[in-house]
Every structure is written in structure tokens, then in C-alpha cells.
N, C-alpha and C. Protein backbone atom coordinates (compact mmCIF):
# COMPACT_ATOMS: atom_id res chain seq x y z
N UNK A 1 15.15 -5.17 6.79
CA UNK A 1 14.73 -6.28 7.35
C UNK A 1 14.06 -8.06 6.33
N UNK A 2 13.20 -6.95 5.52
CA UNK A 2 12.47 -7.26 4.81
C UNK A 2 12.89 -8.61 3.76
N UNK A 3 14.45 -7.99 3.34
CA UNK A 3 15.14 -9.02 2.77
C UNK A 3 16.16 -10.23 3.25
N UNK A 4 16.12 -10.36 4.44
CA UNK A 4 16.97 -10.41 5.68
C UNK A 4 16.20 -11.75 6.07
N UNK A 5 15.07 -11.45 6.65
CA UNK A 5 14.17 -12.39 7.59
C UNK A 5 12.62 -12.15 6.81
N UNK A 6 12.33 -13.19 7.19
CA UNK A 6 10.82 -13.53 7.18
C UNK A 6 9.43 -13.08 8.31
N UNK A 7 8.82 -11.61 8.14
CA UNK A 7 7.75 -11.39 8.84
C UNK A 7 7.58 -12.03 10.14
N UNK A 8 7.08 -13.21 10.15
CA UNK A 8 6.93 -14.44 11.52
C UNK A 8 8.00 -14.06 12.26
N UNK A 9 8.97 -13.62 12.13
CA UNK A 9 10.33 -13.69 12.47
C UNK A 9 10.22 -12.50 13.68
N UNK A 10 10.31 -11.16 12.88
CA UNK A 10 10.33 -9.78 13.49
C UNK A 10 9.01 -9.89 15.14
N UNK A 11 9.75 -8.89 16.13
CA UNK A 11 8.87 -9.19 17.72
C UNK A 11 8.36 -8.45 16.96
N UNK A 12 6.65 -8.24 17.96
CA UNK A 12 6.06 -7.36 17.30
C UNK A 12 5.52 -6.43 18.36
N UNK A 13 5.25 -5.18 17.79
CA UNK A 13 5.03 -3.60 19.09
C UNK A 13 3.48 -3.72 18.58
N UNK A 14 2.87 -3.58 19.43
CA UNK A 14 1.55 -3.25 19.72
C UNK A 14 1.33 -2.13 19.69
N UNK A 15 0.28 -1.33 19.21
CA UNK A 15 -0.31 0.11 19.21
C UNK A 15 -1.87 -0.27 19.28
N UNK A 16 -2.40 0.55 20.62
CA UNK A 16 -3.80 0.37 21.25
C UNK A 16 -4.66 2.07 21.08
N UNK A 17 -5.54 1.55 20.68
CA UNK A 17 -6.34 2.88 19.92
C UNK A 17 -7.67 2.88 20.33
N UNK A 18 -8.67 3.22 21.31
CA UNK A 18 -9.84 2.94 21.39
C UNK A 18 -10.67 3.91 20.68
N UNK A 19 -11.77 3.27 19.64
CA UNK A 19 -12.83 3.70 19.04
C UNK A 19 -13.72 4.20 19.35
N UNK A 20 -13.95 5.40 19.31
CA UNK A 20 -15.45 5.86 20.41
C UNK A 20 -16.67 5.82 19.67
N UNK A 21 -16.43 5.97 18.66
CA UNK A 21 -17.92 5.57 17.50
C UNK A 21 -17.93 4.07 17.61
N UNK A 22 -17.25 3.00 17.49
CA UNK A 22 -17.70 1.21 17.23
C UNK A 22 -17.41 0.93 18.81
N UNK A 23 -17.12 2.19 19.92
CA UNK A 23 -16.99 1.90 21.36
C UNK A 23 -15.62 0.07 21.74
N UNK A 24 -14.36 0.11 20.73
CA UNK A 24 -13.99 -0.82 20.75
C UNK A 24 -12.48 -0.57 20.73
N UNK A 25 -11.87 -1.61 20.96
CA UNK A 25 -10.36 -0.89 21.04
C UNK A 25 -9.65 -1.60 19.80
N UNK A 26 -8.64 -0.97 19.07
CA UNK A 26 -8.30 -1.18 17.95
C UNK A 26 -6.86 -1.80 18.13
N UNK A 27 -6.27 -2.90 17.54
CA UNK A 27 -4.71 -3.00 17.65
C UNK A 27 -3.90 -3.31 16.18
N UNK A 28 -3.09 -2.06 16.88
CA UNK A 28 -2.15 -2.29 15.22
C UNK A 28 -1.03 -2.90 15.45
N UNK A 29 -0.50 -2.95 15.00
CA UNK A 29 0.77 -4.20 14.97
C UNK A 29 1.78 -4.14 14.25
N UNK A 30 3.43 -3.79 14.61
CA UNK A 30 4.32 -3.25 13.42
C UNK A 30 5.26 -4.06 14.08
N UNK A 31 6.60 -4.02 13.17
CA UNK A 31 7.65 -4.92 14.18
C UNK A 31 8.20 -3.73 15.12
N UNK A 32 9.12 -4.32 16.03
CA UNK A 32 9.58 -3.49 16.88
C UNK A 32 10.66 -3.33 16.63
N UNK A 33 10.98 -1.71 16.20
CA UNK A 33 12.32 -1.61 16.31
C UNK A 33 13.18 -0.88 17.36
N UNK A 34 14.73 -0.92 17.55
CA UNK A 34 15.14 -0.30 18.54
C UNK A 34 16.10 0.67 17.89
N UNK A 35 16.48 1.49 18.22
CA UNK A 35 17.15 1.99 17.34
C UNK A 35 19.47 1.93 18.02
N UNK A 36 19.88 1.53 16.92
CA UNK A 36 21.57 1.06 17.94
C UNK A 36 22.13 2.39 17.68
N UNK A 37 23.63 2.27 18.14
CA UNK A 37 24.20 2.93 18.78
C UNK A 37 25.04 4.26 17.44
N UNK A 38 24.15 4.19 16.26
CA UNK A 38 24.52 4.88 15.72
C UNK A 38 23.06 5.80 15.01
N UNK A 39 21.81 5.18 15.74
CA UNK A 39 20.65 5.37 15.22
C UNK A 39 19.64 5.16 14.66
N UNK A 40 20.73 3.75 14.21
CA UNK A 40 20.02 3.13 12.76
C UNK A 40 18.73 2.43 13.83
N UNK A 41 17.61 2.26 12.81
CA UNK A 41 16.75 1.39 13.35
C UNK A 41 17.01 -0.27 13.37
N UNK A 42 16.69 -0.83 14.49
CA UNK A 42 17.49 -2.76 14.32
C UNK A 42 15.79 -2.90 14.40
N UNK A 43 15.93 -4.47 13.97
CA UNK A 43 15.04 -4.87 14.05
C UNK A 43 14.97 -5.89 14.93
N UNK A 44 13.78 -5.68 16.23
CA UNK A 44 14.46 -7.44 17.23
C UNK A 44 13.26 -8.64 16.29
N UNK A 45 14.18 -9.70 16.69
CA UNK A 45 13.66 -11.14 16.53
C UNK A 45 13.29 -12.12 17.29
N UNK A 46 11.86 -12.82 17.19
CA UNK A 46 11.88 -13.61 18.33
C UNK A 46 12.70 -14.80 18.47
N UNK A 47 12.69 -14.95 19.72
CA UNK A 47 13.77 -15.81 19.75
C UNK A 47 13.64 -16.96 19.29
N UNK A 48 12.64 -18.02 18.99
CA UNK A 48 12.52 -18.79 18.41
C UNK A 48 13.48 -18.38 17.09
N UNK A 49 13.19 -17.66 16.33
CA UNK A 49 14.22 -17.31 14.76
C UNK A 49 15.48 -17.30 15.27
N UNK A 50 15.89 -16.59 16.97
CA UNK A 50 17.37 -16.41 16.67
C UNK A 50 17.83 -18.09 17.16
N UNK A 51 17.06 -18.99 17.63
CA UNK A 51 17.95 -20.39 18.13
C UNK A 51 17.73 -20.47 16.88
N UNK A 52 16.85 -20.55 15.73
CA UNK A 52 17.33 -21.42 14.66
C UNK A 52 18.32 -20.97 13.78
N UNK A 53 18.60 -19.85 13.96
CA UNK A 53 19.38 -19.61 13.17
C UNK A 53 21.05 -19.46 13.89
N UNK A 54 21.20 -19.85 15.27
CA UNK A 54 22.43 -20.42 15.81
C UNK A 54 22.52 -22.16 15.89
N UNK A 55 20.97 -22.71 15.57
CA UNK A 55 21.43 -23.64 15.50
C UNK A 55 22.22 -24.09 13.87
N UNK A 56 21.63 -23.47 13.10
CA UNK A 56 21.66 -23.41 11.65
C UNK A 56 23.54 -22.77 11.83
N UNK A 57 24.88 -21.99 12.25
CA UNK A 57 25.77 -21.63 12.34
C UNK A 57 26.36 -22.50 12.94
N UNK A 58 26.10 -23.32 14.58
CA UNK A 58 27.20 -24.07 14.64
C UNK A 58 27.81 -24.93 13.82
N UNK A 59 26.85 -26.09 13.30
CA UNK A 59 28.32 -26.88 12.64
C UNK A 59 29.69 -25.57 11.81
N UNK A 60 29.13 -24.72 11.26
CA UNK A 60 30.19 -24.22 10.71
C UNK A 60 31.38 -23.18 11.62
N UNK A 61 30.75 -22.85 12.13
CA UNK A 61 31.67 -22.40 13.86
C UNK A 61 32.29 -23.42 14.27
N UNK A 62 31.79 -24.14 14.34
CA UNK A 62 32.51 -25.60 14.97
C UNK A 62 33.45 -26.31 14.00
N UNK A 63 33.57 -25.78 13.08
CA UNK A 63 33.74 -26.96 11.63
C UNK A 63 33.68 -28.45 12.09
N UNK A 64 32.69 -28.63 12.12
CA UNK A 64 31.72 -29.73 11.88
C UNK A 64 31.49 -30.11 10.21
């Protein structure tokens, strides 16, 4: 995904853990992935990125 999209376009996944020593919840953010039908991890894009991509492709698809 790093070659095809910018990091801000990827849907984040959050993982929470409690640090007992500091008494704080720590949040880790990673790109959210889901396996496709072949089991290959696929990245999810935020809706805004998908809409911008769609708008860019419409003129070509409609031969405008």
C-alpha cells in the first residue's frame, strides 16, 4: 500500500493496552487490513480518499 497511497488515506486500526507502571492506557495505531478471498491482507481506505479517487476517474470512465 505504501507505493499506491499516502499513509493518511489508510483506515486506522487502534490497539489499546494498559500500562500498569504508569497507570495509563497506551494506544497503538496501525493500518487496518482485512484478508481478501485469497487470504492476502488488503488495506482499507478512508471514505474521503475513495471519493477523491472516484472523482478523478469519472471523466475518463465517461470519456469526457
